[in-house]
Amino acid sequence: MTGRLGLWVAFFAAAAGALLVAPERSPARLESAAAFPGGPYYVIGCGFSHRNNDDPIAYPNQPGRSHNHTFLGNRTTNASSTPADLRGGPTSCGDDGDASAYWVPTLFDGDTPIRPLVALAYYVKRTYEPIHVFPAGLRMIAGDSVAARPQPTRFLWWTCGGVGSSGRFAVVRACSAGRALQLRVDFPNCWDGRNTDSADHKRHMAYSSGGRCPSFHPVPVPTVTLIVLYPSVSARARPASGRFAAHADFMNGWEGEVLGGQVAALNRSRPPDG
């Protein structure tokens, strides 16, 4: 992790006490269930890659059909991308083993697209049972890309400030000067064990509750908590998908052995007593 991206990641992650080394070389950080990000974790910093009107999950092989997206991670992501295409490709993330694609609707302030300062992808163990690596072809979406009213803020919200800031809002905030605007999205962490995608790109996944996965999605996987930090914007700023329609997409581009080592380190970690 070098250059400007490394400086941004170091600044924001250090403010949250985040661990900036790969856990296969150092134990995963421990957090109580109530503390951010909710369990043992590792974190990867990802810079802005590109923008386009593609969505290889919702509209595969249909270039230009989607609202505008801001892509992080894999630098080649387009409408025809598949998980197999991504693996081993160039990435804007600080871990070369992660060529996954992460994307969110582009934030516009009026007609001006806003470029993120940095994104942080936390991989967190939030279940009592051991977690498993993602299936190779996994695709998933968190949030509602067509929401016409405020979404619940349990797994997706906007706020002002750096990592760990309090306050959850369903719409973009006009943050005070010098305070970053933050979009946080928690992806589901329980897989059905069979399908790497589904018709709505959600039903093959579910969220754990009380540290357990539901019986119909019995396979625990890491929780991906994606935090995208932007410069402060005006009150008229909106995501390209609409005022209430924030969401995020993930397409797995991990090298299996690298992800396996990181997952093993998280499974070796133990939460603090109490």
Foldseek 3Di string as FASTA:
>chain_A
DDDQQVVVCCVQCVVLVADADFCLVPFFDADDCVAPPRGGKHKKKWFWQDKAQADLFQQAPPGNPHFMKTKIAANPDGRPDFLVNQAQGDHRIPDSLFRKIKMKFFKDQVNRTFGFSIKMKMWHQNAPDQADAQPSGAKAKFFALQDPDFDDQPFKAKDKAGPPDDDGHQFWDQDDAPIWIKIKGKAAFFAQVPDRADPVRHPRGHHDDPRADDPNRHHGHTIIIMMTITGGHDPRMDGSSGGRGIMMMITGRGDVVSSRSSSVSRRVDDHDDD
